[in-house]
Full PDB file with SEQRES, HELIX, SHEET, SSBOND, CRYST1, ORIGX, SCALE, CONECT and MASTER records, all heavy atoms in Angstrom:
SEQRES   1 A   42  ALA ALA ILE SER ARG TYR GLY ALA VAL LEU TYR TYR VAL          
SEQRES   2 A   42  ASP SER VAL LYS GLY ARG PHE THR ILE SER ARG ASP ASN          
SEQRES   3 A   42  ALA LYS ASN VAL VAL TYR LEU GLN MET ASN SER LEU LYS          
SEQRES   4 A   42  PRO GLU ASP                                                  
HELIX    1 AA1 ASP A   14  VAL A   16  5                                   3    
SHEET    1 AA1 2 ALA A   2  ILE A   3  0                                        
SHEET    2 AA1 2 LEU A  10  TYR A  11 -1                                        
SHEET    1 AA2 2 PHE A  20  ASP A  25  0                                        
SHEET    2 AA2 2 VAL A  30  MET A  35 -1                                        
CRYST1    1.000    1.000    1.000  90.00  90.00  90.00 P 1           1          
ORIGX1      1.000000  0.000000  0.000000        0.00000                         
ORIGX2      0.000000  1.000000  0.000000        0.00000                         
ORIGX3      0.000000  0.000000  1.000000        0.00000                         
SCALE1      1.000000  0.000000  0.000000        0.00000                         
SCALE2      0.000000  1.000000  0.000000        0.00000                         
SCALE3      0.000000  0.000000  1.000000        0.00000                         
ATOM      1  N   ALA A   1     -17.250 -58.206   7.230  1.00  0.00           N  
ATOM      2  CA  ALA A   1     -16.819 -57.618   5.969  1.00  0.00           C  
ATOM      3  C   ALA A   1     -18.007 -56.993   5.267  1.00  0.00           C  
ATOM      4  O   ALA A   1     -19.152 -57.390   5.471  1.00  0.00           O  
ATOM      5  CB  ALA A   1     -16.171 -58.676   5.072  1.00  0.00           C  
ATOM      6  N   ALA A   2     -17.733 -56.009   4.418  1.00  0.00           N  
ATOM      7  CA  ALA A   2     -18.767 -55.374   3.609  1.00  0.00           C  
ATOM      8  C   ALA A   2     -18.177 -54.980   2.269  1.00  0.00           C  
ATOM      9  O   ALA A   2     -16.964 -54.791   2.138  1.00  0.00           O  
ATOM     10  CB  ALA A   2     -19.353 -54.154   4.315  1.00  0.00           C  
ATOM     11  N   ILE A   3     -19.050 -54.833   1.279  1.00  0.00           N  
ATOM     12  CA  ILE A   3     -18.612 -54.513  -0.072  1.00  0.00           C  
ATOM     13  C   ILE A   3     -19.625 -53.592  -0.723  1.00  0.00           C  
ATOM     14  O   ILE A   3     -20.836 -53.764  -0.580  1.00  0.00           O  
ATOM     15  CB  ILE A   3     -18.397 -55.811  -0.891  1.00  0.00           C  
ATOM     16  CG1 ILE A   3     -17.780 -55.521  -2.261  1.00  0.00           C  
ATOM     17  CG2 ILE A   3     -19.697 -56.594  -1.017  1.00  0.00           C  
ATOM     18  CD1 ILE A   3     -17.273 -56.785  -2.961  1.00  0.00           C  
ATOM     19  N   SER A   4     -19.132 -52.591  -1.445  1.00  0.00           N  
ATOM     20  CA  SER A   4     -20.003 -51.632  -2.108  1.00  0.00           C  
ATOM     21  C   SER A   4     -20.701 -52.266  -3.308  1.00  0.00           C  
ATOM     22  O   SER A   4     -20.403 -53.394  -3.712  1.00  0.00           O  
ATOM     23  CB  SER A   4     -19.212 -50.393  -2.539  1.00  0.00           C  
ATOM     24  OG  SER A   4     -18.180 -50.728  -3.450  1.00  0.00           O  
ATOM     25  N   ARG A   5     -21.618 -51.534  -3.900  1.00  0.00           N  
ATOM     26  CA  ARG A   5     -22.501 -52.097  -4.927  1.00  0.00           C  
ATOM     27  C   ARG A   5     -21.781 -52.662  -6.134  1.00  0.00           C  
ATOM     28  O   ARG A   5     -22.229 -53.664  -6.715  1.00  0.00           O  
ATOM     29  CB  ARG A   5     -23.516 -51.038  -5.367  1.00  0.00           C  
ATOM     30  CG  ARG A   5     -24.579 -50.749  -4.328  1.00  0.00           C  
ATOM     31  CD  ARG A   5     -25.502 -49.620  -4.753  1.00  0.00           C  
ATOM     32  NE  ARG A   5     -26.649 -49.501  -3.856  1.00  0.00           N  
ATOM     33  CZ  ARG A   5     -26.634 -48.838  -2.707  1.00  0.00           C  
ATOM     34  NH1 ARG A   5     -25.529 -48.211  -2.319  1.00  0.00           N  
ATOM     35  NH2 ARG A   5     -27.715 -48.789  -1.953  1.00  0.00           N  
ATOM     36  N   TYR A   6     -20.663 -52.059  -6.503  1.00  0.00           N  
ATOM     37  CA  TYR A   6     -19.913 -52.554  -7.649  1.00  0.00           C  
ATOM     38  C   TYR A   6     -18.551 -53.122  -7.255  1.00  0.00           C  
ATOM     39  O   TYR A   6     -17.719 -53.389  -8.116  1.00  0.00           O  
ATOM     40  CB  TYR A   6     -19.770 -51.459  -8.698  1.00  0.00           C  
ATOM     41  CG  TYR A   6     -21.102 -51.078  -9.305  1.00  0.00           C  
ATOM     42  CD1 TYR A   6     -21.820 -49.983  -8.830  1.00  0.00           C  
ATOM     43  CD2 TYR A   6     -21.657 -51.840 -10.327  1.00  0.00           C  
ATOM     44  CE1 TYR A   6     -23.052 -49.655  -9.357  1.00  0.00           C  
ATOM     45  CE2 TYR A   6     -22.888 -51.513 -10.858  1.00  0.00           C  
ATOM     46  CZ  TYR A   6     -23.583 -50.425 -10.373  1.00  0.00           C  
ATOM     47  OH  TYR A   6     -24.810 -50.102 -10.902  1.00  0.00           O  
ATOM     48  N   GLY A   7     -18.339 -53.301  -5.963  1.00  0.00           N  
ATOM     49  CA  GLY A   7     -17.154 -53.985  -5.490  1.00  0.00           C  
ATOM     50  C   GLY A   7     -15.919 -53.128  -5.342  1.00  0.00           C  
ATOM     51  O   GLY A   7     -14.845 -53.670  -5.053  1.00  0.00           O  
ATOM     52  N   ALA A   8     -16.025 -51.817  -5.505  1.00  0.00           N  
ATOM     53  CA  ALA A   8     -14.848 -50.960  -5.468  1.00  0.00           C  
ATOM     54  C   ALA A   8     -14.356 -50.674  -4.054  1.00  0.00           C  
ATOM     55  O   ALA A   8     -13.163 -50.414  -3.862  1.00  0.00           O  
ATOM     56  CB  ALA A   8     -15.131 -49.643  -6.186  1.00  0.00           C  
ATOM     57  N   VAL A   9     -15.244 -50.694  -3.066  1.00  0.00           N  
ATOM     58  CA  VAL A   9     -14.899 -50.342  -1.702  1.00  0.00           C  
ATOM     59  C   VAL A   9     -15.144 -51.544  -0.806  1.00  0.00           C  
ATOM     60  O   VAL A   9     -16.228 -52.128  -0.819  1.00  0.00           O  
ATOM     61  CB  VAL A   9     -15.714 -49.134  -1.205  1.00  0.00           C  
ATOM     62  CG1 VAL A   9     -15.300 -48.761   0.211  1.00  0.00           C  
ATOM     63  CG2 VAL A   9     -15.529 -47.954  -2.139  1.00  0.00           C  
ATOM     64  N   LEU A  10     -14.130 -51.901  -0.015  1.00  0.00           N  
ATOM     65  CA  LEU A  10     -14.194 -53.066   0.863  1.00  0.00           C  
ATOM     66  C   LEU A  10     -13.937 -52.663   2.302  1.00  0.00           C  
ATOM     67  O   LEU A  10     -13.161 -51.762   2.576  1.00  0.00           O  
ATOM     68  CB  LEU A  10     -13.157 -54.111   0.447  1.00  0.00           C  
ATOM     69  CG  LEU A  10     -13.155 -54.558  -1.015  1.00  0.00           C  
ATOM     70  CD1 LEU A  10     -12.012 -55.534  -1.250  1.00  0.00           C  
ATOM     71  CD2 LEU A  10     -14.486 -55.179  -1.395  1.00  0.00           C  
ATOM     72  N   TYR A  11     -14.584 -53.364   3.222  1.00  0.00           N  
ATOM     73  CA  TYR A  11     -14.369 -53.169   4.651  1.00  0.00           C  
ATOM     74  C   TYR A  11     -14.139 -54.519   5.309  1.00  0.00           C  
ATOM     75  O   TYR A  11     -14.816 -55.499   4.985  1.00  0.00           O  
ATOM     76  CB  TYR A  11     -15.583 -52.499   5.301  1.00  0.00           C  
ATOM     77  CG  TYR A  11     -15.592 -52.644   6.807  1.00  0.00           C  
ATOM     78  CD1 TYR A  11     -14.864 -51.771   7.610  1.00  0.00           C  
ATOM     79  CD2 TYR A  11     -16.300 -53.668   7.421  1.00  0.00           C  
ATOM     80  CE1 TYR A  11     -14.845 -51.913   8.977  1.00  0.00           C  
ATOM     81  CE2 TYR A  11     -16.286 -53.818   8.797  1.00  0.00           C  
ATOM     82  CZ  TYR A  11     -15.558 -52.941   9.573  1.00  0.00           C  
ATOM     83  OH  TYR A  11     -15.535 -53.087  10.934  1.00  0.00           O  
ATOM     84  N   TYR A  12     -13.197 -54.555   6.266  1.00  0.00           N  
ATOM     85  CA  TYR A  12     -12.972 -55.737   7.079  1.00  0.00           C  
ATOM     86  C   TYR A  12     -12.763 -55.325   8.527  1.00  0.00           C  
ATOM     87  O   TYR A  12     -12.078 -54.337   8.803  1.00  0.00           O  
ATOM     88  CB  TYR A  12     -11.735 -56.516   6.625  1.00  0.00           C  
ATOM     89  CG  TYR A  12     -11.803 -57.027   5.215  1.00  0.00           C  
ATOM     90  CD1 TYR A  12     -11.184 -56.337   4.177  1.00  0.00           C  
ATOM     91  CD2 TYR A  12     -12.475 -58.207   4.921  1.00  0.00           C  
ATOM     92  CE1 TYR A  12     -11.243 -56.810   2.881  1.00  0.00           C  
ATOM     93  CE2 TYR A  12     -12.538 -58.681   3.626  1.00  0.00           C  
ATOM     94  CZ  TYR A  12     -11.921 -57.982   2.615  1.00  0.00           C  
ATOM     95  OH  TYR A  12     -11.980 -58.468   1.324  1.00  0.00           O  
ATOM     96  N   VAL A  13     -13.325 -56.093   9.441  1.00  0.00           N  
ATOM     97  CA  VAL A  13     -13.025 -55.878  10.839  1.00  0.00           C  
ATOM     98  C   VAL A  13     -11.562 -56.268  11.082  1.00  0.00           C  
ATOM     99  O   VAL A  13     -11.023 -57.160  10.409  1.00  0.00           O  
ATOM    100  CB  VAL A  13     -13.992 -56.686  11.738  1.00  0.00           C  
ATOM    101  CG1 VAL A  13     -13.747 -58.178  11.613  1.00  0.00           C  
ATOM    102  CG2 VAL A  13     -13.915 -56.228  13.178  1.00  0.00           C  
ATOM    103  N   ASP A  14     -10.906 -55.588  12.024  1.00  0.00           N  
ATOM    104  CA  ASP A  14      -9.473 -55.778  12.215  1.00  0.00           C  
ATOM    105  C   ASP A  14      -9.084 -57.237  12.451  1.00  0.00           C  
ATOM    106  O   ASP A  14      -8.030 -57.687  11.986  1.00  0.00           O  
ATOM    107  CB  ASP A  14      -8.981 -54.930  13.392  1.00  0.00           C  
ATOM    108  CG  ASP A  14      -8.909 -53.456  13.062  1.00  0.00           C  
ATOM    109  OD1 ASP A  14      -8.963 -53.097  11.872  1.00  0.00           O  
ATOM    110  OD2 ASP A  14      -8.786 -52.651  14.007  1.00  0.00           O  
ATOM    111  N   SER A  15      -9.911 -57.982  13.146  1.00  0.00           N  
ATOM    112  CA  SER A  15      -9.563 -59.338  13.525  1.00  0.00           C  
ATOM    113  C   SER A  15      -9.472 -60.309  12.349  1.00  0.00           C  
ATOM    114  O   SER A  15      -8.910 -61.394  12.490  1.00  0.00           O  
ATOM    115  CB  SER A  15     -10.563 -59.873  14.552  1.00  0.00           C  
ATOM    116  OG  SER A  15     -11.871 -59.907  14.017  1.00  0.00           O  
ATOM    117  N   VAL A  16     -10.013 -59.938  11.184  1.00  0.00           N  
ATOM    118  CA  VAL A  16      -9.978 -60.844  10.029  1.00  0.00           C  
ATOM    119  C   VAL A  16      -9.160 -60.296   8.874  1.00  0.00           C  
ATOM    120  O   VAL A  16      -9.014 -60.989   7.850  1.00  0.00           O  
ATOM    121  CB  VAL A  16     -11.395 -61.196   9.536  1.00  0.00           C  
ATOM    122  CG1 VAL A  16     -12.261 -61.678  10.689  1.00  0.00           C  
ATOM    123  CG2 VAL A  16     -12.047 -60.016   8.825  1.00  0.00           C  
ATOM    124  N   LYS A  17      -8.613 -59.112   9.000  1.00  0.00           N  
ATOM    125  CA  LYS A  17      -7.829 -58.529   7.916  1.00  0.00           C  
ATOM    126  C   LYS A  17      -6.648 -59.420   7.557  1.00  0.00           C  
ATOM    127  O   LYS A  17      -5.941 -59.920   8.423  1.00  0.00           O  
ATOM    128  CB  LYS A  17      -7.328 -57.138   8.298  1.00  0.00           C  
ATOM    129  CG  LYS A  17      -8.402 -56.074   8.297  1.00  0.00           C  
ATOM    130  CD  LYS A  17      -7.834 -54.708   8.665  1.00  0.00           C  
ATOM    131  CE  LYS A  17      -8.916 -53.636   8.611  1.00  0.00           C  
ATOM    132  NZ  LYS A  17      -8.390 -52.315   9.027  1.00  0.00           N  
ATOM    133  N   GLY A  18      -6.468 -59.626   6.274  1.00  0.00           N  
ATOM    134  CA  GLY A  18      -5.405 -60.489   5.795  1.00  0.00           C  
ATOM    135  C   GLY A  18      -5.776 -61.947   5.715  1.00  0.00           C  
ATOM    136  O   GLY A  18      -5.018 -62.745   5.141  1.00  0.00           O  
ATOM    137  N   ARG A  19      -6.913 -62.329   6.287  1.00  0.00           N  
ATOM    138  CA  ARG A  19      -7.349 -63.722   6.282  1.00  0.00           C  
ATOM    139  C   ARG A  19      -8.640 -63.937   5.485  1.00  0.00           C  
ATOM    140  O   ARG A  19      -8.806 -64.975   4.843  1.00  0.00           O  
ATOM    141  CB  ARG A  19      -7.562 -64.224   7.708  1.00  0.00           C  
ATOM    142  CG  ARG A  19      -6.315 -64.158   8.577  1.00  0.00           C  
ATOM    143  CD  ARG A  19      -6.527 -64.873   9.907  1.00  0.00           C  
ATOM    144  NE  ARG A  19      -7.576 -64.251  10.708  1.00  0.00           N  
ATOM    145  CZ  ARG A  19      -8.683 -64.864  11.118  1.00  0.00           C  
ATOM    146  NH1 ARG A  19      -8.897 -66.137  10.778  1.00  0.00           N  
ATOM    147  NH2 ARG A  19      -9.576 -64.230  11.859  1.00  0.00           N  
ATOM    148  N   PHE A  20      -9.559 -62.979   5.536  1.00  0.00           N  
ATOM    149  CA  PHE A  20     -10.851 -63.095   4.861  1.00  0.00           C  
ATOM    150  C   PHE A  20     -10.891 -62.173   3.647  1.00  0.00           C  
ATOM    151  O   PHE A  20     -10.292 -61.090   3.655  1.00  0.00           O  
ATOM    152  CB  PHE A  20     -11.998 -62.706   5.791  1.00  0.00           C  
ATOM    153  CG  PHE A  20     -12.272 -63.661   6.919  1.00  0.00           C  
ATOM    154  CD1 PHE A  20     -11.403 -64.694   7.235  1.00  0.00           C  
ATOM    155  CD2 PHE A  20     -13.425 -63.521   7.677  1.00  0.00           C  
ATOM    156  CE1 PHE A  20     -11.659 -65.563   8.276  1.00  0.00           C  
ATOM    157  CE2 PHE A  20     -13.700 -64.380   8.720  1.00  0.00           C  
ATOM    158  CZ  PHE A  20     -12.813 -65.400   9.023  1.00  0.00           C  
ATOM    159  N   THR A  21     -11.626 -62.580   2.624  1.00  0.00           N  
ATOM    160  CA  THR A  21     -11.821 -61.771   1.436  1.00  0.00           C  
ATOM    161  C   THR A  21     -13.287 -61.806   1.032  1.00  0.00           C  
ATOM    162  O   THR A  21     -13.849 -62.889   0.830  1.00  0.00           O  
ATOM    163  CB  THR A  21     -10.965 -62.264   0.265  1.00  0.00           C  
ATOM    164  OG1 THR A  21      -9.581 -62.271   0.636  1.00  0.00           O  
ATOM    165  CG2 THR A  21     -11.150 -61.352  -0.946  1.00  0.00           C  
ATOM    166  N   ILE A  22     -13.901 -60.629   0.909  1.00  0.00           N  
ATOM    167  CA  ILE A  22     -15.264 -60.536   0.418  1.00  0.00           C  
ATOM    168  C   ILE A  22     -15.226 -60.169  -1.062  1.00  0.00           C  
ATOM    169  O   ILE A  22     -14.388 -59.377  -1.496  1.00  0.00           O  
ATOM    170  CB  ILE A  22     -16.089 -59.507   1.222  1.00  0.00           C  
ATOM    171  CG1 ILE A  22     -17.570 -59.551   0.817  1.00  0.00           C  
ATOM    172  CG2 ILE A  22     -15.527 -58.106   1.088  1.00  0.00           C  
ATOM    173  CD1 ILE A  22     -18.482 -58.730   1.722  1.00  0.00           C  
ATOM    174  N   SER A  23     -16.126 -60.757  -1.834  1.00  0.00           N  
ATOM    175  CA  SER A  23     -16.216 -60.453  -3.255  1.00  0.00           C  
ATOM    176  C   SER A  23     -17.655 -60.617  -3.708  1.00  0.00           C  
ATOM    177  O   SER A  23     -18.481 -61.195  -2.994  1.00  0.00           O  
ATOM    178  CB  SER A  23     -15.280 -61.352  -4.071  1.00  0.00           C  
ATOM    179  OG  SER A  23     -15.630 -62.712  -3.932  1.00  0.00           O  
ATOM    180  N   ARG A  24     -17.958 -60.096  -4.882  1.00  0.00           N  
ATOM    181  CA  ARG A  24     -19.308 -60.236  -5.412  1.00  0.00           C  
ATOM    182  C   ARG A  24     -19.269 -60.409  -6.920  1.00  0.00           C  
ATOM    183  O   ARG A  24     -18.378 -59.898  -7.602  1.00  0.00           O  
ATOM    184  CB  ARG A  24     -20.181 -59.036  -5.022  1.00  0.00           C  
ATOM    185  CG  ARG A  24     -19.758 -57.703  -5.623  1.00  0.00           C  
ATOM    186  CD  ARG A  24     -20.497 -56.530  -4.959  1.00  0.00           C  
ATOM    187  NE  ARG A  24     -21.940 -56.629  -5.124  1.00  0.00           N  
ATOM    188  CZ  ARG A  24     -22.838 -55.976  -4.389  1.00  0.00           C  
ATOM    189  NH1 ARG A  24     -22.424 -55.178  -3.402  1.00  0.00           N  
ATOM    190  NH2 ARG A  24     -24.130 -56.131  -4.625  1.00  0.00           N  
ATOM    191  N   ASP A  25     -20.255 -61.125  -7.422  1.00  0.00           N  
ATOM    192  CA  ASP A  25     -20.445 -61.314  -8.848  1.00  0.00           C  
ATOM    193  C   ASP A  25     -21.887 -60.915  -9.128  1.00  0.00           C  
ATOM    194  O   ASP A  25     -22.809 -61.720  -8.979  1.00  0.00           O  
ATOM    195  CB  ASP A  25     -20.172 -62.757  -9.255  1.00  0.00           C  
ATOM    196  CG  ASP A  25     -20.200 -62.955 -10.757  1.00  0.00           C  
ATOM    197  OD1 ASP A  25     -20.837 -62.150 -11.466  1.00  0.00           O  
ATOM    198  OD2 ASP A  25     -19.586 -63.927 -11.235  1.00  0.00           O  
ATOM    199  N   ASN A  26     -22.083 -59.669  -9.507  1.00  0.00           N  
ATOM    200  CA  ASN A  26     -23.439 -59.164  -9.697  1.00  0.00           C  
ATOM    201  C   ASN A  26     -24.170 -59.863 -10.840  1.00  0.00           C  
ATOM    202  O   ASN A  26     -25.392 -60.001 -10.803  1.00  0.00           O  
ATOM    203  CB  ASN A  26     -23.409 -57.654  -9.941  1.00  0.00           C  
ATOM    204  CG  ASN A  26     -23.078 -56.866  -8.694  1.00  0.00           C  
ATOM    205  OD1 ASN A  26     -23.198 -57.365  -7.579  1.00  0.00           O  
ATOM    206  ND2 ASN A  26     -22.664 -55.626  -8.876  1.00  0.00           N  
ATOM    207  N   ALA A  27     -23.434 -60.307 -11.853  1.00  0.00           N  
ATOM    208  CA  ALA A  27     -24.063 -61.011 -12.966  1.00  0.00           C  
ATOM    209  C   ALA A  27     -24.679 -62.326 -12.521  1.00  0.00           C  
ATOM    210  O   ALA A  27     -25.681 -62.775 -13.091  1.00  0.00           O  
ATOM    211  CB  ALA A  27     -23.052 -61.246 -14.081  1.00  0.00           C  
ATOM    212  N   LYS A  28     -24.083 -62.967 -11.514  1.00  0.00           N  
ATOM    213  CA  LYS A  28     -24.591 -64.225 -10.986  1.00  0.00           C  
ATOM    214  C   LYS A  28     -25.435 -64.045  -9.733  1.00  0.00           C  
ATOM    215  O   LYS A  28     -25.962 -65.026  -9.201  1.00  0.00           O  
ATOM    216  CB  LYS A  28     -23.436 -65.179 -10.683  1.00  0.00           C  
ATOM    217  CG  LYS A  28     -22.637 -65.587 -11.905  1.00  0.00           C  
ATOM    218  CD  LYS A  28     -21.511 -66.533 -11.521  1.00  0.00           C  
ATOM    219  CE  LYS A  28     -20.722 -66.960 -12.738  1.00  0.00           C  
ATOM    220  NZ  LYS A  28     -19.606 -67.873 -12.372  1.00  0.00           N  
ATOM    221  N   ASN A  29     -25.538 -62.822  -9.230  1.00  0.00           N  
ATOM    222  CA  ASN A  29     -26.281 -62.533  -8.007  1.00  0.00           C  
ATOM    223  C   ASN A  29     -25.752 -63.328  -6.813  1.00  0.00           C  
ATOM    224  O   ASN A  29     -26.513 -63.919  -6.039  1.00  0.00           O  
ATOM    225  CB  ASN A  29     -27.781 -62.794  -8.188  1.00  0.00           C  
ATOM    226  CG  ASN A  29     -28.524 -61.605  -8.764  1.00  0.00           C  
ATOM    227  OD1 ASN A  29     -27.964 -60.529  -8.960  1.00  0.00           O  
ATOM    228  ND2 ASN A  29     -29.804 -61.788  -9.036  1.00  0.00           N  
ATOM    229  N   VAL A  30     -24.439 -63.321  -6.659  1.00  0.00           N  
ATOM    230  CA  VAL A  30     -23.794 -64.070  -5.593  1.00  0.00           C  
ATOM    231  C   VAL A  30     -22.743 -63.201  -4.907  1.00  0.00           C  
ATOM    232  O   VAL A  30     -22.006 -62.470  -5.570  1.00  0.00           O  
ATOM    233  CB  VAL A  30     -23.135 -65.360  -6.109  1.00  0.00           C  
ATOM    234  CG1 VAL A  30     -22.423 -66.090  -4.982  1.00  0.00           C  
ATOM    235  CG2 VAL A  30     -24.179 -66.275  -6.743  1.00  0.00           C  
ATOM    236  N   VAL A  31     -22.664 -63.305  -3.582  1.00  0.00           N  
ATOM    237  CA  VAL A  31     -21.619 -62.692  -2.776  1.00  0.00           C  
ATOM    238  C   VAL A  31     -20.860 -63.810  -2.067  1.00  0.00           C  
ATOM    239  O   VAL A  31     -21.468 -64.778  -1.602  1.00  0.00           O  
ATOM    240  CB  VAL A  31     -22.197 -61.704  -1.756  1.00  0.00           C  
ATOM    241  CG1 VAL A  31     -21.087 -61.110  -0.890  1.00  0.00           C  
ATOM    242  CG2 VAL A  31     -22.954 -60.593  -2.467  1.00  0.00           C  
ATOM    243  N   TYR A  32     -19.541 -63.660  -1.967  1.00  0.00           N  
ATOM    244  CA  TYR A  32     -18.702 -64.685  -1.365  1.00  0.00           C  
ATOM    245  C   TYR A  32     -17.939 -64.132  -0.172  1.00  0.00           C  
ATOM    246  O   TYR A  32     -17.638 -62.941  -0.094  1.00  0.00           O  
ATOM    247  CB  TYR A  32     -17.679 -65.215  -2.367  1.00  0.00           C  
ATOM    248  CG  TYR A  32     -18.273 -65.784  -3.630  1.00  0.00           C  
ATOM    249  CD1 TYR A  32     -18.314 -65.034  -4.799  1.00  0.00           C  
ATOM    250  CD2 TYR A  32     -18.783 -67.076  -3.658  1.00  0.00           C  
ATOM    251  CE1 TYR A  32     -18.851 -65.548  -5.965  1.00  0.00           C  
ATOM    252  CE2 TYR A  32     -19.326 -67.605  -4.820  1.00  0.00           C  
ATOM    253  CZ  TYR A  32     -19.353 -66.841  -5.966  1.00  0.00           C  
ATOM    254  OH  TYR A  32     -19.884 -67.354  -7.123  1.00  0.00           O  
ATOM    255  N   LEU A  33     -17.598 -65.031   0.741  1.00  0.00           N  
ATOM    256  CA  LEU A  33     -16.651 -64.729   1.799  1.00  0.00           C  
ATOM    257  C   LEU A  33     -15.645 -65.866   1.853  1.00  0.00           C  
ATOM    258  O   LEU A  33     -15.968 -66.962   2.314  1.00  0.00           O  
ATOM    259  CB  LEU A  33     -17.341 -64.565   3.157  1.00  0.00           C  
ATOM    260  CG  LEU A  33     -16.416 -64.139   4.303  1.00  0.00           C  
ATOM    261  CD1 LEU A  33     -15.906 -62.715   4.074  1.00  0.00           C  
ATOM    262  CD2 LEU A  33     -17.122 -64.240   5.649  1.00  0.00           C  
ATOM    263  N   GLN A  34     -14.446 -65.607   1.366  1.00  0.00           N  
ATOM    264  CA  GLN A  34     -13.361 -66.579   1.430  1.00  0.00           C  
ATOM    265  C   GLN A  34     -12.661 -66.423   2.767  1.00  0.00           C  
ATOM    266  O   GLN A  34     -12.183 -65.340   3.092  1.00  0.00           O  
ATOM    267  CB  GLN A  34     -12.375 -66.360   0.286  1.00  0.00           C  
ATOM    268  CG  GLN A  34     -11.177 -67.298   0.304  1.00  0.00           C  
ATOM    269  CD  GLN A  34     -11.547 -68.732   0.035  1.00  0.00           C  
ATOM    270  OE1 GLN A  34     -12.307 -69.004  -0.892  1.00  0.00           O  
ATOM    271  NE2 GLN A  34     -11.040 -69.649   0.842  1.00  0.00           N  
ATOM    272  N   MET A  35     -12.584 -67.496   3.538  1.00  0.00           N  
ATOM    273  CA  MET A  35     -12.010 -67.468   4.872  1.00  0.00           C  
ATOM    274  C   MET A  35     -10.810 -68.400   4.911  1.00  0.00           C  
ATOM    275  O   MET A  35     -10.954 -69.618   4.758  1.00  0.00           O  
ATOM    276  CB  MET A  35     -13.042 -67.880   5.918  1.00  0.00           C  
ATOM    277  CG  MET A  35     -14.313 -67.043   5.884  1.00  0.00           C  
ATOM    278  SD  MET A  35     -15.458 -67.447   7.237  1.00  0.00           S  
ATOM    279  CE  MET A  35     -15.897 -69.125   6.762  1.00  0.00           C  
ATOM    280  N   ASN A  36      -9.634 -67.836   5.120  1.00  0.00           N  
ATOM    281  CA  ASN A  36      -8.396 -68.590   5.205  1.00  0.00           C  
ATOM    282  C   ASN A  36      -7.796 -68.466   6.600  1.00  0.00           C  
ATOM    283  O   ASN A  36      -8.139 -67.570   7.361  1.00  0.00           O  
ATOM    284  CB  ASN A  36      -7.389 -68.091   4.171  1.00  0.00           C  
ATOM    285  CG  ASN A  36      -7.859 -68.252   2.747  1.00  0.00           C  
ATOM    286  OD1 ASN A  36      -8.564 -69.204   2.418  1.00  0.00           O  
ATOM    287  ND2 ASN A  36      -7.459 -67.321   1.885  1.00  0.00           N  
ATOM    288  N   SER A  37      -6.872 -69.364   6.919  1.00  0.00           N  
ATOM    289  CA  SER A  37      -6.180 -69.345   8.214  1.00  0.00           C  
ATOM    290  C   SER A  37      -7.162 -69.235   9.368  1.00  0.00           C  
ATOM    291  O   SER A  37      -6.995 -68.424  10.279  1.00  0.00           O  
ATOM    292  CB  SER A  37      -5.167 -68.199   8.253  1.00  0.00           C  
ATOM    293  OG  SER A  37      -4.211 -68.318   7.220  1.00  0.00           O  
ATOM    294  N   LEU A  38      -8.178 -70.061   9.344  1.00  0.00           N  
ATOM    295  CA  LEU A  38      -9.250 -69.967  10.330  1.00  0.00           C  
ATOM    296  C   LEU A  38      -8.751 -70.295  11.733  1.00  0.00           C  
ATOM    297  O   LEU A  38      -7.886 -71.149  11.919  1.00  0.00           O  
ATOM    298  CB  LEU A  38     -10.394 -70.893   9.948  1.00  0.00           C  
ATOM    299  CG  LEU A  38     -11.280 -70.356   8.819  1.00  0.00           C  
ATOM    300  CD1 LEU A  38     -12.103 -71.473   8.208  1.00  0.00           C  
ATOM    301  CD2 LEU A  38     -12.195 -69.251   9.350  1.00  0.00           C  
ATOM    302  N   LYS A  39      -9.323 -69.595  12.702  1.00  0.00           N  
ATOM    303  CA  LYS A  39      -8.989 -69.739  14.107  1.00  0.00           C  
ATOM    304  C   LYS A  39     -10.227 -70.167  14.887  1.00  0.00           C  
ATOM    305  O   LYS A  39     -11.351 -69.897  14.466  1.00  0.00           O  
ATOM    306  CB  LYS A  39      -8.477 -68.414  14.674  1.00  0.00           C  
ATOM    307  CG  LYS A  39      -7.283 -67.827  13.949  1.00  0.00           C  
ATOM    308  CD  LYS A  39      -6.935 -66.455  14.512  1.00  0.00           C  
ATOM    309  CE  LYS A  39      -5.754 -65.848  13.789  1.00  0.00           C  
ATOM    310  NZ  LYS A  39      -5.417 -64.499  14.321  1.00  0.00           N  
ATOM    311  N   PRO A  40     -10.054 -70.817  16.038  1.00  0.00           N  
ATOM    312  CA  PRO A  40     -11.223 -71.165  16.853  1.00  0.00           C  
ATOM    313  C   PRO A  40     -12.101 -69.957  17.189  1.00  0.00           C  
ATOM    314  O   PRO A  40     -13.318 -70.112  17.312  1.00  0.00           O  
ATOM    315  CB  PRO A  40     -10.600 -71.765  18.114  1.00  0.00           C  
ATOM    316  CG  PRO A  40      -9.316 -72.350  17.638  1.00  0.00           C  
ATOM    317  CD  PRO A  40      -8.821 -71.396  16.592  1.00  0.00           C  
ATOM    318  N   GLU A  41     -11.508 -68.787  17.316  1.00  0.00           N  
ATOM    319  CA  GLU A  41     -12.268 -67.578  17.608  1.00  0.00           C  
ATOM    320  C   GLU A  41     -13.208 -67.175  16.479  1.00  0.00           C  
ATOM    321  O   GLU A  41     -14.085 -66.331  16.680  1.00  0.00           O  
ATOM    322  CB  GLU A  41     -11.325 -66.400  17.897  1.00  0.00           C  
ATOM    323  CG  GLU A  41     -10.292 -66.682  18.971  1.00  0.00           C  
ATOM    324  CD  GLU A  41      -8.983 -67.187  18.384  1.00  0.00           C  
ATOM    325  OE1 GLU A  41      -8.848 -68.422  18.239  1.00  0.00           O  
ATOM    326  OE2 GLU A  41      -8.104 -66.355  18.079  1.00  0.00           O  
ATOM    327  N   ASP A  42     -13.037 -67.752  15.290  1.00  0.00           N  
ATOM    328  CA  ASP A  42     -13.928 -67.474  14.171  1.00  0.00           C  
ATOM    329  C   ASP A  42     -15.218 -68.278  14.230  1.00  0.00           C  
ATOM    330  O   ASP A  42     -16.114 -68.056  13.411  1.00  0.00           O  
ATOM    331  CB  ASP A  42     -13.225 -67.766  12.840  1.00  0.00           C  
ATOM    332  CG  ASP A  42     -12.017 -66.879  12.612  1.00  0.00           C  
ATOM    333  OD1 ASP A  42     -12.100 -65.666  12.894  1.00  0.00           O  
ATOM    334  OD2 ASP A  42     -10.983 -67.401  12.141  1.00  0.00           O  
TER     335      ASP A  42                                                      
MASTER        0    0    0    1    4    0    0    6  334    1    0    4          
END                                                                             
C-alpha cells in the first residue's frame, strides 16, 4: 500500500484490496496499516 503526502491518493496491491487500509496522521507523524481478514499468504 502507499499513500500521498496529505492522504488524498491511495494505492493497494490487488491481493489486499478490501482487506487492508493505509492511513496517516501527519500531526502525530504516524502512518498505519490496518490489516483485516488476514490469510496465511500475508
